[in-house]
Amino acid sequence: MDAAAKPELVGAGQIWWAGIPGNAADFPMNDTFDTFAEQACCFLNLESNYRSVSPGQGIRFSDRLNGKPVYVDLFDEPRTSGIASNMGMLVCGSSGGGKSMTINHILSTLYQQGAHCVTVDIGGSYKGLCELVGGYYFTYTEDNPIRFNPFFLAEGNVLDTEKRKFKGAAHLLMETGTRSFQPQ
């Protein structure tokens, strides 16, 4: 068809803004063209490059183009394929954008798959999930700040695999507004 994609550099911000629902009128006229329906079909490719992993291995999300469920391995696969070397996560967005909902979903899926989750929560977003799974939820006041020792072993307890791993590298899953904690 002799159609070639051109990377947009100057007007990329304006095109991105026009792609938000309700902003179509802001799409620049100089980036439009007339064509026939048969040729235009090649520009409406709704395929994606998403690849689903097995449900026991990944976290269920959905393909943003067609809403089909996709299982994504956020932690193990990126490390084994060399894309990432740690399990850190940053979730950012505006107020009401779904950060807490997303992290609640990720935490509940990880818990159902047998993972031990430690979360630092500012604002009580995860209290309901903690109560649902029978976890420990600590709250604080200025008079009674949070204090805990992750290395404490009560009398009669043994140093299990989880405590050994935690001692080696503690990873806390946090939401925007908190600082990363990794013991030296």
N, C-alpha and C. Protein backbone atom coordinates (compact mmCIF):
# COMPACT_ATOMS: atom_id res chain seq x y z
N MET A 1 0.81 -1.20 0.00
CA MET A 1 0.00 0.00 0.00
C MET A 1 0.85 1.26 0.00
N ASP A 2 2.15 1.11 0.17
CA ASP A 2 3.05 2.26 0.23
C ASP A 2 2.74 3.18 1.40
N ALA A 3 2.27 2.65 2.51
CA ALA A 3 2.01 3.45 3.71
C ALA A 3 3.19 3.25 4.65
N ALA A 4 3.75 4.36 5.10
CA ALA A 4 4.89 4.29 6.01
C ALA A 4 4.58 5.10 7.27
N ALA A 5 4.87 4.51 8.42
CA ALA A 5 4.64 5.22 9.68
C ALA A 5 5.71 6.28 9.87
N LYS A 6 5.31 7.41 10.40
CA LYS A 6 6.25 8.51 10.65
C LYS A 6 6.23 8.81 12.14
N PRO A 7 7.36 8.75 12.81
CA PRO A 7 7.36 9.10 14.24
C PRO A 7 7.10 10.60 14.41
N GLU A 8 6.13 10.93 15.23
CA GLU A 8 5.79 12.33 15.47
C GLU A 8 6.63 12.84 16.62
N LEU A 9 7.35 13.92 16.39
CA LEU A 9 8.20 14.48 17.43
C LEU A 9 7.65 15.80 17.96
N VAL A 10 7.29 16.70 17.07
CA VAL A 10 6.88 18.03 17.49
C VAL A 10 5.48 18.03 18.10
N GLY A 11 4.53 17.39 17.44
CA GLY A 11 3.14 17.43 17.90
C GLY A 11 2.71 16.23 18.72
N ALA A 12 3.66 15.47 19.27
CA ALA A 12 3.33 14.25 20.01
C ALA A 12 2.44 14.55 21.22
N GLY A 13 2.74 15.61 21.93
CA GLY A 13 1.93 15.96 23.10
C GLY A 13 0.50 16.30 22.73
N GLN A 14 0.32 17.05 21.64
CA GLN A 14 -1.02 17.42 21.20
C GLN A 14 -1.81 16.20 20.72
N ILE A 15 -1.14 15.28 20.03
CA ILE A 15 -1.81 14.06 19.57
C ILE A 15 -2.18 13.19 20.77
N TRP A 16 -1.27 13.08 21.74
CA TRP A 16 -1.58 12.29 22.94
C TRP A 16 -2.80 12.88 23.64
N TRP A 17 -2.82 14.18 23.83
CA TRP A 17 -3.94 14.84 24.50
C TRP A 17 -5.24 14.61 23.75
N ALA A 18 -5.19 14.66 22.42
CA ALA A 18 -6.39 14.47 21.60
C ALA A 18 -6.90 13.03 21.69
N GLY A 19 -6.02 12.09 22.07
CA GLY A 19 -6.43 10.70 22.18
C GLY A 19 -7.20 10.38 23.44
N ILE A 20 -7.25 11.30 24.39
CA ILE A 20 -8.02 11.10 25.62
C ILE A 20 -9.50 11.27 25.27
N PRO A 21 -10.35 10.35 25.72
CA PRO A 21 -11.78 10.46 25.38
C PRO A 21 -12.34 11.84 25.71
N GLY A 22 -13.02 12.41 24.72
CA GLY A 22 -13.62 13.73 24.88
C GLY A 22 -12.78 14.85 24.31
N ASN A 23 -11.55 14.55 23.90
CA ASN A 23 -10.66 15.59 23.38
C ASN A 23 -10.41 15.46 21.89
N ALA A 24 -11.22 14.70 21.17
CA ALA A 24 -10.98 14.44 19.75
C ALA A 24 -10.95 15.72 18.94
N ALA A 25 -11.66 16.75 19.36
CA ALA A 25 -11.68 18.01 18.61
C ALA A 25 -10.32 18.68 18.61
N ASP A 26 -9.45 18.32 19.53
CA ASP A 26 -8.12 18.92 19.59
C ASP A 26 -7.12 18.24 18.65
N PHE A 27 -7.54 17.19 17.93
CA PHE A 27 -6.62 16.50 17.01
C PHE A 27 -6.26 17.45 15.87
N PRO A 28 -4.97 17.66 15.59
CA PRO A 28 -4.58 18.63 14.56
C PRO A 28 -5.02 18.20 13.16
N MET A 29 -5.60 19.10 12.42
CA MET A 29 -6.10 18.80 11.07
C MET A 29 -4.96 18.43 10.12
N ASN A 30 -3.76 18.96 10.32
CA ASN A 30 -2.66 18.63 9.42
C ASN A 30 -2.15 17.20 9.62
N ASP A 31 -2.63 16.49 10.64
CA ASP A 31 -2.28 15.09 10.83
C ASP A 31 -3.37 14.15 10.36
N THR A 32 -4.36 14.65 9.65
CA THR A 32 -5.44 13.81 9.12
C THR A 32 -5.27 13.65 7.63
N PHE A 33 -5.91 12.65 7.05
CA PHE A 33 -5.88 12.44 5.60
C PHE A 33 -7.12 11.67 5.19
N ASP A 34 -7.50 11.81 3.94
CA ASP A 34 -8.63 11.08 3.39
C ASP A 34 -8.12 9.80 2.75
N THR A 35 -8.86 8.71 2.95
CA THR A 35 -8.49 7.44 2.35
C THR A 35 -9.74 6.58 2.19
N PHE A 36 -9.59 5.44 1.56
CA PHE A 36 -10.69 4.51 1.37
C PHE A 36 -10.74 3.53 2.54
N ALA A 37 -11.92 2.99 2.81
CA ALA A 37 -12.12 2.11 3.96
C ALA A 37 -11.21 0.89 3.91
N GLU A 38 -11.05 0.30 2.72
CA GLU A 38 -10.22 -0.91 2.61
C GLU A 38 -8.77 -0.63 3.03
N GLN A 39 -8.24 0.52 2.60
CA GLN A 39 -6.87 0.87 2.95
C GLN A 39 -6.78 1.31 4.41
N ALA A 40 -7.81 1.95 4.92
CA ALA A 40 -7.79 2.43 6.30
C ALA A 40 -7.79 1.29 7.31
N CYS A 41 -8.28 0.12 6.89
CA CYS A 41 -8.33 -1.03 7.81
C CYS A 41 -6.96 -1.42 8.35
N CYS A 42 -5.91 -1.18 7.56
CA CYS A 42 -4.58 -1.57 8.04
C CYS A 42 -4.13 -0.71 9.21
N PHE A 43 -4.75 0.46 9.40
CA PHE A 43 -4.39 1.32 10.52
C PHE A 43 -5.23 1.02 11.77
N LEU A 44 -6.17 0.12 11.67
CA LEU A 44 -7.05 -0.21 12.80
C LEU A 44 -6.73 -1.59 13.34
N ASN A 45 -5.48 -1.91 13.43
CA ASN A 45 -5.06 -3.21 13.93
C ASN A 45 -5.28 -3.25 15.44
N LEU A 46 -6.19 -4.09 15.88
CA LEU A 46 -6.49 -4.19 17.31
C LEU A 46 -5.74 -5.32 17.98
N GLU A 47 -4.76 -5.88 17.29
CA GLU A 47 -3.92 -6.91 17.90
C GLU A 47 -3.01 -6.24 18.92
N SER A 48 -2.58 -7.00 19.89
CA SER A 48 -1.62 -6.45 20.84
C SER A 48 -0.46 -7.41 20.95
N ASN A 49 0.59 -6.97 21.60
CA ASN A 49 1.73 -7.84 21.81
C ASN A 49 1.71 -8.46 23.20
N TYR A 50 0.56 -8.39 23.89
CA TYR A 50 0.46 -8.96 25.22
C TYR A 50 0.55 -10.47 25.14
N ARG A 51 1.27 -11.04 26.07
CA ARG A 51 1.42 -12.48 26.14
C ARG A 51 1.05 -12.89 27.55
N SER A 52 0.09 -13.77 27.67
CA SER A 52 -0.40 -14.19 28.97
C SER A 52 0.44 -15.34 29.51
N VAL A 53 0.73 -15.30 30.82
CA VAL A 53 1.40 -16.42 31.49
C VAL A 53 0.32 -17.28 32.13
N SER A 54 0.70 -18.36 32.77
CA SER A 54 -0.29 -19.24 33.40
C SER A 54 -0.94 -18.53 34.59
N PRO A 55 -2.24 -18.80 34.84
CA PRO A 55 -2.94 -18.12 35.94
C PRO A 55 -2.29 -18.30 37.30
N GLY A 56 -1.64 -19.42 37.57
CA GLY A 56 -1.00 -19.62 38.85
C GLY A 56 0.29 -18.83 39.00
N GLN A 57 0.80 -18.32 37.91
CA GLN A 57 2.08 -17.63 37.91
C GLN A 57 1.92 -16.12 37.84
N GLY A 58 0.82 -15.65 37.26
CA GLY A 58 0.68 -14.21 37.04
C GLY A 58 -0.47 -13.59 37.79
N ILE A 59 -0.60 -12.29 37.59
CA ILE A 59 -1.67 -11.49 38.19
C ILE A 59 -2.63 -11.12 37.08
N ARG A 60 -3.94 -11.28 37.32
CA ARG A 60 -4.92 -11.07 36.27
C ARG A 60 -5.19 -9.58 36.07
N PHE A 61 -4.96 -9.14 34.85
CA PHE A 61 -5.31 -7.81 34.39
C PHE A 61 -6.16 -8.00 33.14
N SER A 62 -6.38 -6.95 32.39
CA SER A 62 -7.10 -7.12 31.13
C SER A 62 -6.40 -6.34 30.03
N ASP A 63 -6.49 -6.87 28.83
CA ASP A 63 -5.96 -6.21 27.65
C ASP A 63 -6.71 -4.90 27.47
N ARG A 64 -6.02 -3.79 27.38
CA ARG A 64 -6.69 -2.50 27.33
C ARG A 64 -7.41 -2.25 26.02
N LEU A 65 -7.10 -3.01 24.97
CA LEU A 65 -7.77 -2.79 23.69
C LEU A 65 -9.09 -3.54 23.57
N ASN A 66 -9.13 -4.77 24.07
CA ASN A 66 -10.37 -5.55 23.89
C ASN A 66 -10.93 -6.11 25.19
N GLY A 67 -10.29 -5.85 26.33
CA GLY A 67 -10.82 -6.27 27.61
C GLY A 67 -10.66 -7.74 27.94
N LYS A 68 -9.92 -8.50 27.15
CA LYS A 68 -9.71 -9.91 27.43
C LYS A 68 -8.74 -10.06 28.60
N PRO A 69 -8.97 -11.08 29.45
CA PRO A 69 -8.07 -11.27 30.60
C PRO A 69 -6.66 -11.65 30.16
N VAL A 70 -5.69 -11.07 30.81
CA VAL A 70 -4.29 -11.35 30.56
C VAL A 70 -3.62 -11.54 31.92
N TYR A 71 -2.87 -12.62 32.05
CA TYR A 71 -2.12 -12.86 33.28
C TYR A 71 -0.69 -12.38 33.07
N VAL A 72 -0.23 -11.49 33.96
CA VAL A 72 1.08 -10.87 33.81
C VAL A 72 1.94 -11.24 35.01
N ASP A 73 3.14 -11.70 34.74
CA ASP A 73 4.11 -11.99 35.80
C ASP A 73 4.94 -10.73 36.01
N LEU A 74 4.67 -10.00 37.09
CA LEU A 74 5.34 -8.73 37.34
C LEU A 74 6.71 -8.89 37.96
N PHE A 75 7.00 -10.04 38.55
CA PHE A 75 8.21 -10.15 39.35
C PHE A 75 9.21 -11.17 38.84
N ASP A 76 8.81 -12.43 38.65
CA ASP A 76 9.78 -13.47 38.30
C ASP A 76 10.27 -13.40 36.86
N GLU A 77 9.35 -13.28 35.91
CA GLU A 77 9.74 -13.29 34.50
C GLU A 77 10.67 -12.13 34.13
N PRO A 78 10.41 -10.89 34.58
CA PRO A 78 11.36 -9.83 34.24
C PRO A 78 12.77 -10.07 34.78
N ARG A 79 12.87 -10.72 35.94
CA ARG A 79 14.21 -11.01 36.49
C ARG A 79 14.89 -12.12 35.73
N THR A 80 14.14 -13.20 35.40
CA THR A 80 14.77 -14.32 34.69
C THR A 80 15.13 -13.98 33.25
N SER A 81 14.38 -13.06 32.64
CA SER A 81 14.69 -12.67 31.26
C SER A 81 15.70 -11.52 31.20
N GLY A 82 16.12 -10.99 32.34
CA GLY A 82 17.14 -9.96 32.38
C GLY A 82 16.62 -8.54 32.19
N ILE A 83 15.31 -8.35 32.22
CA ILE A 83 14.75 -7.00 32.06
C ILE A 83 14.93 -6.19 33.34
N ALA A 84 14.75 -6.83 34.48
CA ALA A 84 14.87 -6.15 35.78
C ALA A 84 15.69 -7.02 36.71
N SER A 85 16.25 -6.41 37.75
CA SER A 85 17.04 -7.19 38.69
C SER A 85 16.48 -7.16 40.10
N ASN A 86 15.35 -6.48 40.31
CA ASN A 86 14.76 -6.45 41.64
C ASN A 86 13.24 -6.51 41.54
N MET A 87 12.58 -6.49 42.67
CA MET A 87 11.12 -6.59 42.69
C MET A 87 10.49 -5.29 43.15
N GLY A 88 11.18 -4.18 43.02
CA GLY A 88 10.63 -2.90 43.43
C GLY A 88 9.48 -2.49 42.53
N MET A 89 8.59 -1.69 43.08
CA MET A 89 7.43 -1.26 42.29
C MET A 89 7.06 0.16 42.71
N LEU A 90 6.74 0.98 41.74
CA LEU A 90 6.25 2.31 41.99
C LEU A 90 4.93 2.45 41.24
N VAL A 91 3.89 2.81 41.97
CA VAL A 91 2.59 3.04 41.36
C VAL A 91 2.26 4.50 41.60
N CYS A 92 2.14 5.26 40.53
CA CYS A 92 1.84 6.67 40.70
C CYS A 92 0.67 7.07 39.82
N GLY A 93 -0.02 8.08 40.24
CA GLY A 93 -1.17 8.57 39.49
C GLY A 93 -1.85 9.65 40.30
N SER A 94 -2.82 10.27 39.68
CA SER A 94 -3.53 11.36 40.36
C SER A 94 -4.49 10.79 41.40
N SER A 95 -5.00 11.66 42.23
CA SER A 95 -5.95 11.26 43.25
C SER A 95 -7.18 10.65 42.60
N GLY A 96 -7.59 9.48 43.06
CA GLY A 96 -8.76 8.80 42.49
C GLY A 96 -8.46 8.03 41.22
N GLY A 97 -7.18 7.89 40.88
CA GLY A 97 -6.80 7.23 39.63
C GLY A 97 -6.77 5.71 39.70
N GLY A 98 -6.95 5.12 40.88
CA GLY A 98 -6.99 3.67 41.00
C GLY A 98 -5.73 3.03 41.52
N LYS A 99 -4.84 3.79 42.13
CA LYS A 99 -3.60 3.23 42.66
C LYS A 99 -3.89 2.19 43.74
N SER A 100 -4.70 2.57 44.72
CA SER A 100 -5.00 1.65 45.83
C SER A 100 -5.75 0.42 45.34
N MET A 101 -6.67 0.60 44.40
CA MET A 101 -7.39 -0.56 43.85
C MET A 101 -6.43 -1.52 43.16
N THR A 102 -5.50 -0.98 42.39
CA THR A 102 -4.53 -1.82 41.69
C THR A 102 -3.65 -2.57 42.67
N ILE A 103 -3.12 -1.88 43.68
CA ILE A 103 -2.25 -2.53 44.65
C ILE A 103 -3.02 -3.55 45.48
N ASN A 104 -4.27 -3.24 45.85
CA ASN A 104 -5.10 -4.21 46.56
C ASN A 104 -5.26 -5.47 45.72
N HIS A 105 -5.50 -5.31 44.42
CA HIS A 105 -5.65 -6.46 43.52
C HIS A 105 -4.36 -7.27 43.44
N ILE A 106 -3.23 -6.57 43.30
CA ILE A 106 -1.95 -7.26 43.22
C ILE A 106 -1.65 -8.00 44.52
N LEU A 107 -1.86 -7.35 45.66
CA LEU A 107 -1.59 -7.98 46.95
C LEU A 107 -2.49 -9.19 47.19
N SER A 108 -3.78 -9.07 46.88
CA SER A 108 -4.68 -10.20 47.12
C SER A 108 -4.32 -11.38 46.21
N THR A 109 -3.92 -11.11 44.97
CA THR A 109 -3.51 -12.19 44.07
C THR A 109 -2.24 -12.85 44.58
N LEU A 110 -1.26 -12.05 44.98
CA LEU A 110 -0.02 -12.63 45.51
C LEU A 110 -0.29 -13.46 46.76
N TYR A 111 -1.17 -12.97 47.63
CA TYR A 111 -1.51 -13.70 48.85
C TYR A 111 -2.17 -15.04 48.50
N GLN A 112 -3.09 -15.03 47.54
CA GLN A 112 -3.77 -16.27 47.12
C GLN A 112 -2.80 -17.27 46.51
N GLN A 113 -1.69 -16.76 45.95
CA GLN A 113 -0.68 -17.64 45.36
C GLN A 113 0.35 -18.09 46.39
N GLY A 114 0.15 -17.69 47.67
CA GLY A 114 1.02 -18.18 48.73
C GLY A 114 2.14 -17.25 49.13
N ALA A 115 2.18 -16.04 48.62
CA ALA A 115 3.25 -15.10 48.97
C ALA A 115 2.96 -14.45 50.31
N HIS A 116 4.00 -14.07 51.00
CA HIS A 116 3.88 -13.30 52.23
C HIS A 116 4.04 -11.84 51.84
N CYS A 117 3.11 -11.02 52.23
CA CYS A 117 3.11 -9.61 51.82
C CYS A 117 3.27 -8.70 53.03
N VAL A 118 4.16 -7.73 52.91
CA VAL A 118 4.34 -6.70 53.91
C VAL A 118 4.08 -5.38 53.21
N THR A 119 3.18 -4.57 53.73
CA THR A 119 2.80 -3.32 53.09
C THR A 119 2.86 -2.19 54.08
N VAL A 120 3.46 -1.09 53.68
CA VAL A 120 3.43 0.12 54.47
C VAL A 120 2.30 0.96 53.91
N ASP A 121 1.31 1.24 54.75
CA ASP A 121 0.08 1.89 54.31
C ASP A 121 -0.08 3.23 55.00
N ILE A 122 -0.21 4.27 54.21
CA ILE A 122 -0.50 5.59 54.76
C ILE A 122 -1.91 5.93 54.32
N GLY A 123 -2.84 5.95 55.23
CA GLY A 123 -4.20 6.32 54.89
C GLY A 123 -5.22 5.21 55.02
N GLY A 124 -4.82 4.02 55.35
CA GLY A 124 -5.78 2.94 55.61
C GLY A 124 -6.36 2.26 54.37
N SER A 125 -5.71 2.37 53.23
CA SER A 125 -6.23 1.79 52.00
C SER A 125 -6.23 0.26 52.01
N TYR A 126 -5.40 -0.35 52.82
CA TYR A 126 -5.25 -1.81 52.78
C TYR A 126 -5.76 -2.49 54.04
N LYS A 127 -6.40 -1.76 54.91
CA LYS A 127 -6.90 -2.32 56.16
C LYS A 127 -7.96 -3.39 55.90
N GLY A 128 -8.87 -3.14 54.97
CA GLY A 128 -9.92 -4.10 54.65
C GLY A 128 -9.35 -5.41 54.12
N LEU A 129 -8.37 -5.34 53.23
CA LEU A 129 -7.74 -6.54 52.69
C LEU A 129 -7.02 -7.30 53.80
N CYS A 130 -6.35 -6.59 54.67
CA CYS A 130 -5.64 -7.21 55.78
C CYS A 130 -6.61 -7.97 56.69
N GLU A 131 -7.76 -7.35 56.99
CA GLU A 131 -8.77 -8.01 57.82
C GLU A 131 -9.36 -9.22 57.10
N LEU A 132 -9.55 -9.11 55.79
CA LEU A 132 -10.14 -10.20 55.00
C LEU A 132 -9.28 -11.46 55.04
N VAL A 133 -7.96 -11.29 54.97
CA VAL A 133 -7.07 -12.46 54.94
C VAL A 133 -6.55 -12.83 56.33
N GLY A 134 -6.99 -12.09 57.36
CA GLY A 134 -6.57 -12.42 58.72
C GLY A 134 -5.14 -12.01 59.00
N GLY A 135 -4.70 -10.93 58.40
CA GLY A 135 -3.33 -10.46 58.60
C GLY A 135 -3.22 -9.55 59.81
N TYR A 136 -2.05 -9.03 60.01
CA TYR A 136 -1.79 -8.12 61.11
C TYR A 136 -1.78 -6.70 60.55
N TYR A 137 -2.54 -5.82 61.17
CA TYR A 137 -2.58 -4.42 60.73
C TYR A 137 -2.22 -3.55 61.93
N PHE A 138 -1.17 -2.78 61.77
CA PHE A 138 -0.74 -1.90 62.84
C PHE A 138 -1.06 -0.47 62.44
N THR A 139 -1.61 0.29 63.33
CA THR A 139 -1.86 1.70 63.06
C THR A 139 -1.06 2.51 64.07
N TYR A 140 -0.96 3.78 63.84
CA TYR A 140 -0.12 4.58 64.72
C TYR A 140 -0.79 5.92 65.03
N THR A 141 -0.31 6.51 66.10
CA THR A 141 -0.63 7.89 66.46
C THR A 141 0.70 8.53 66.83
N GLU A 142 0.71 9.82 67.05
CA GLU A 142 1.97 10.45 67.44
C GLU A 142 2.43 9.95 68.81
N ASP A 143 1.45 9.63 69.68
CA ASP A 143 1.80 9.12 71.01
C ASP A 143 2.26 7.66 70.96
N ASN A 144 1.79 6.90 69.96
CA ASN A 144 2.10 5.48 69.85
C ASN A 144 2.58 5.17 68.43
N PRO A 145 3.83 5.51 68.09
CA PRO A 145 4.32 5.27 66.72
C PRO A 145 4.51 3.77 66.47
N ILE A 146 4.58 3.42 65.20
CA ILE A 146 4.77 2.00 64.82
C ILE A 146 6.21 1.60 65.11
N ARG A 147 6.34 0.46 65.79
CA ARG A 147 7.65 -0.12 66.05
C ARG A 147 7.52 -1.62 65.83
N PHE A 148 8.41 -2.17 65.03
CA PHE A 148 8.41 -3.62 64.87
C PHE A 148 9.81 -4.09 64.55
N ASN A 149 10.06 -5.34 64.85
CA ASN A 149 11.36 -5.94 64.60
C ASN A 149 11.13 -7.15 63.70
N PRO A 150 11.43 -7.05 62.40
CA PRO A 150 11.18 -8.18 61.50
C PRO A 150 12.10 -9.36 61.76
N PHE A 151 13.13 -9.16 62.57
CA PHE A 151 14.09 -10.23 62.84
C PHE A 151 13.81 -10.95 64.16
N PHE A 152 12.75 -10.56 64.87
CA PHE A 152 12.42 -11.15 66.16
C PHE A 152 11.92 -12.58 65.99
N LEU A 153 12.44 -13.47 66.81
CA LEU A 153 11.97 -14.85 66.86
C LEU A 153 11.48 -15.12 68.28
N ALA A 154 10.18 -15.39 68.40
CA ALA A 154 9.64 -15.71 69.72
C ALA A 154 10.20 -17.06 70.17
N GLU A 155 10.17 -17.29 71.46
CA GLU A 155 10.71 -18.54 71.99
C GLU A 155 9.92 -19.72 71.43
N GLY A 156 10.63 -20.70 70.92
CA GLY A 156 9.99 -21.87 70.32
C GLY A 156 9.88 -21.77 68.81
N ASN A 157 9.97 -20.57 68.23
CA ASN A 157 9.93 -20.42 66.77
C ASN A 157 11.29 -20.74 66.17
N VAL A 158 11.28 -21.17 64.92
CA VAL A 158 12.52 -21.48 64.23
C VAL A 158 12.71 -20.49 63.09
N LEU A 159 13.93 -20.38 62.65
CA LEU A 159 14.26 -19.50 61.53
C LEU A 159 13.86 -20.20 60.24
N ASP A 160 12.66 -19.88 59.74
CA ASP A 160 12.17 -20.53 58.52
C ASP A 160 12.70 -19.81 57.28
N THR A 161 12.34 -20.33 56.12
CA THR A 161 12.82 -19.79 54.85
C THR A 161 12.41 -18.34 54.66
N GLU A 162 11.17 -18.01 55.03
CA GLU A 162 10.69 -16.63 54.86
C GLU A 162 11.51 -15.65 55.68
N LYS A 163 11.78 -15.98 56.95
CA LYS A 163 12.55 -15.07 57.80
C LYS A 163 13.98 -14.95 57.29
N ARG A 164 14.53 -16.06 56.77
CA ARG A 164 15.88 -16.02 56.23
C ARG A 164 15.95 -15.10 55.02
N LYS A 165 14.95 -15.21 54.13
CA LYS A 165 14.91 -14.35 52.95
C LYS A 165 14.69 -12.90 53.36
N PHE A 166 13.84 -12.69 54.35
CA PHE A 166 13.55 -11.33 54.79
C PHE A 166 14.80 -10.68 55.38
N LYS A 167 15.59 -11.48 56.09
CA LYS A 167 16.81 -10.94 56.65
C LYS A 167 17.79 -10.55 55.56
N GLY A 168 17.79 -11.32 54.45
CA GLY A 168 18.72 -11.03 53.37
C GLY A 168 18.36 -9.76 52.62
N ALA A 169 17.11 -9.61 52.25
CA ALA A 169 16.69 -8.44 51.47
C ALA A 169 15.21 -8.21 51.68
N ALA A 170 14.86 -7.26 52.52
CA ALA A 170 13.44 -6.98 52.79
C ALA A 170 12.91 -6.10 51.68
N HIS A 171 11.76 -6.49 51.15
CA HIS A 171 11.13 -5.69 50.10
C HIS A 171 9.73 -5.31 50.58
N LEU A 172 9.46 -4.05 50.61
CA LEU A 172 8.15 -3.57 51.00
C LEU A 172 7.46 -2.99 49.77
N LEU A 173 6.25 -3.42 49.54
CA LEU A 173 5.47 -2.91 48.43
C LEU A 173 4.78 -1.65 48.91
N MET A 174 5.04 -0.54 48.26
CA MET A 174 4.51 0.72 48.77
C MET A 174 3.82 1.51 47.67
N GLU A 175 2.98 2.39 48.11
CA GLU A 175 2.26 3.29 47.23
C GLU A 175 2.98 4.63 47.18
N THR A 176 2.68 5.44 46.23
CA THR A 176 3.31 6.74 46.09
C THR A 176 3.18 7.54 47.38
N GLY A 177 4.23 8.23 47.73
CA GLY A 177 4.21 9.06 48.93
C GLY A 177 5.01 8.46 50.05
N THR A 178 5.48 7.23 49.92
CA THR A 178 6.30 6.63 50.96
C THR A 178 7.68 6.41 50.39
N ARG A 179 8.63 6.17 51.25
CA ARG A 179 9.99 5.96 50.79
C ARG A 179 10.31 4.48 50.75
N SER A 180 11.20 4.12 49.87
CA SER A 180 11.61 2.73 49.73
C SER A 180 12.44 2.32 50.94
N PHE A 181 12.26 1.09 51.41
CA PHE A 181 12.99 0.59 52.56
C PHE A 181 13.68 -0.70 52.16
N GLN A 182 14.98 -0.70 52.15
CA GLN A 182 15.74 -1.91 51.91
C GLN A 182 16.92 -1.89 52.86
N PRO A 183 16.94 -2.81 53.84
CA PRO A 183 18.03 -2.80 54.82
C PRO A 183 19.38 -3.06 54.18
N GLN A 184 20.36 -2.45 54.74
CA GLN A 184 21.74 -2.60 54.21
C GLN A 184 22.38 -3.85 54.77
